[in-house]
Amino acid sequence: MTMETENSSPNNSKLSQKKSIKKLLLPSKNPNKVGIVITRAQSTIRRKKPNDDEAHLPKSPIIVSRRPLSLDVSNISPTHSESGCSQNPSPSLAGRPFLSPDLEGNRLQVNGDFGGSFNQLRRCSSVEDTSIRTEASLIAETNLSERSMSHDTILKDGSTNVSRSPSSANSLARKALMAAQVLHLIPTVKARQRNFLHGRMGTNTLLGSKELEKTLPRREVHIFVGTWNMNGQTPPRELNDFVLPINMEHVPDILAFGTQESCSEKFEWEASLQETIGPTHVLFHSVSLGTLHLAVFMRRDLIWYASLPEDSSISVRPGVAFKTKGAVATGFMIFGTSFLFVNTHLTAHQEKVKERVSDVKKIVQSLDLPKNIPCRNKSKDVTQNFDYVFWNGDLNFRLATPRKNVLEWLSHTSFPLPAHLPHGYMHHDQLCSVLTDGAAFRGFMEANITFPPTYKYDPGTQNFDTSSKQRAPAYTDRILFKHRQTRRLSTQPDTPPITCLEYDSVPSITTSDHKPVWGVFKAHVRPGIDTMPLNAGLFNRDVYLEGIRRRAMAHGAKDENLKPSGTKRAKSAREKAKKCARNAVKRVLSTVQMVHHHRDESDTEPLIDSDSSANYPNSEDN
């Protein structure tokens, strides 16, 4: 609408008043989603030269409305604009909740200093479709659904011009896009539709498919399982060969460590594991029974999608006060998939195969899991109640071969064994026979063994037992795994639900008469429902802080408060200052008492009690 030149007619005041009100009102056309309004006259202003990069946006100032800020992806134009907020959007963005940070060409203007947080977005200018949009942009827009991110901030008062140099705008835009991807900003409308308290299956639930694919894009987790009979000895200072073996390319999502004949200091052992793993993982849960101990570490972000852990234990020698034989187990869910880890120490001696089979059957029937985790048709066999089961420990199954023959075979064999060759005397292995006959561990599998026997060594050496007992070398330390057959866990029918990627021992650790054994597995994960009891981010904070403190000390932290020597010096200085302060108070009290004594004021009480030094606990601050 055009306005006439000011005149002195009676209608002039009415027109002026109407014009001032018009500035404060939104236009009659439907407003866009970015809170910017441009008049039709401004959108038809002639542009600069066609070759100029800034030729596709109006030159006049932009009228800014004070509506809540939102980001409309559909308004992104493929043309490089003056405000630096448009380029060709990629069709691959359709279906994704936010713009990907790798699409650096998509530019959004950011108002003010970024400051490391996604606080403010500058509103991009919205012009009529006929003025700046091309046919290519209209076609691209049909492939993009509207996505908006609401914010509390608006433009600073008095800022009417949103133009900014393209270089600075592009740099801030890239930071904004990356921040949006990292923070996973949730639109308010979607948050209203979510239901985290009343469980239901859906894509927008906390444990639904969208959250699963965001956290685990391939819908699979990598699991590390380690077992070690520590022989009651203190573990070595260096645990990298066991916890982070060189054959393992990445740190798995879950790490479970089962120990038998563990050292007496459980906290020290857990802190050592935390120190070695690093701050990316936390101690999710641990359980112990006598000398049996099981610790499960988990990736920090996964603990929000896990259920409350549950544990159970059983001793196969109930009449013995010192529990050395039995089992400890812990179970939990991640999204919609349940996991069970069992750490056992079975009856020893080569001839007691039946006793070991009896131990396994007793353990399977006695472990009361799950307790609160959702489970349909709970079975007395605990291994039937979980999607994945990992059974590790000192199972004590031996090689039914004379010691002389085993030593001769070992002297002529190089390790690791090739996967396609027969594994030495494994056809004489008692556990292999039990698995084949189905006497125990029904449904369990074991990866091919390519490493030398893990029992029994002279502690501190790589020599097999040279004591008077002359025990034959054997594979007593094992890791078995199993998945539920009645449930489809993988989205691809031809893909096995669980795969063993690595299975090896750690010869370099010599503190015990056993060698540690570890394995890495890949398992598929399903979406879940919100009815399970959520863990809500709980973990062992004390172990985490101690492990990180030790890790910082090992890497030469400069903070004196982290160093033991610095802590001792600070404590000694505080004690010395406190002692000096108390002595000064006593001297003052003595002086005051002497003054009163010389005045012979027997009827007057002392101004300060002689024992008042106890009332100055913070006197060292003086």
Foldseek 3Di string as FASTA:
>chain_A
DDDDDQDDDPCRVVVVVVVVVVLQDADPDDDDQAQWGDDQVQLPDAFDDPVDLAGQHGPDWTRGGPDWGKDWPLQAACGQHQQQAHRDDDLVCAPPQADALVPLSHFFFFPDDCVQALAGGAGDHHHDCVRHHDPSSVVSSVSHDTHMFTHDDDDDPPDGHSGDHNVVRSVVRSVNRVNCLVVVGDHPVLVVVEDLDDKDADQSYCLYPVVQCSVVVVQKWKEKEKEEALLQDDFDLDCCCPQPNPVDPDRTQKYKYKYANAHPPPLVVLLSSLLNVDLQKFFLDKDDDQRIIMTMIGGQVQLQQKFRKDKFWDAPCVVDPRGRFTKIKIKIAGFAFIEIEIEGDFDADAVPLVRLLVRQVCNQQPTDDDDQFDFPPDDSRNVQGGFKYKYWYQSRWFFPDDQVVLVVVVVPDDPQDDPVDPDPRCVRTSVVVCQVVVSHDPQKDFDDGREFAFDFADAPDLHHDPDPVSDHGGNRTGMIMHGHPVDDQDPDPVDDQKDWDDWYWRSVTRRHRGIMIMTMMMGGHHHHMSPGHRSNSDGDPVSNVSSNLVSCVVVPNPPLVSDPVSVVVVVVVLVVLLVVLLVVVLVVQVVQVVVCVVVVPPVDDGPDDNPCSVVCPPSSVD
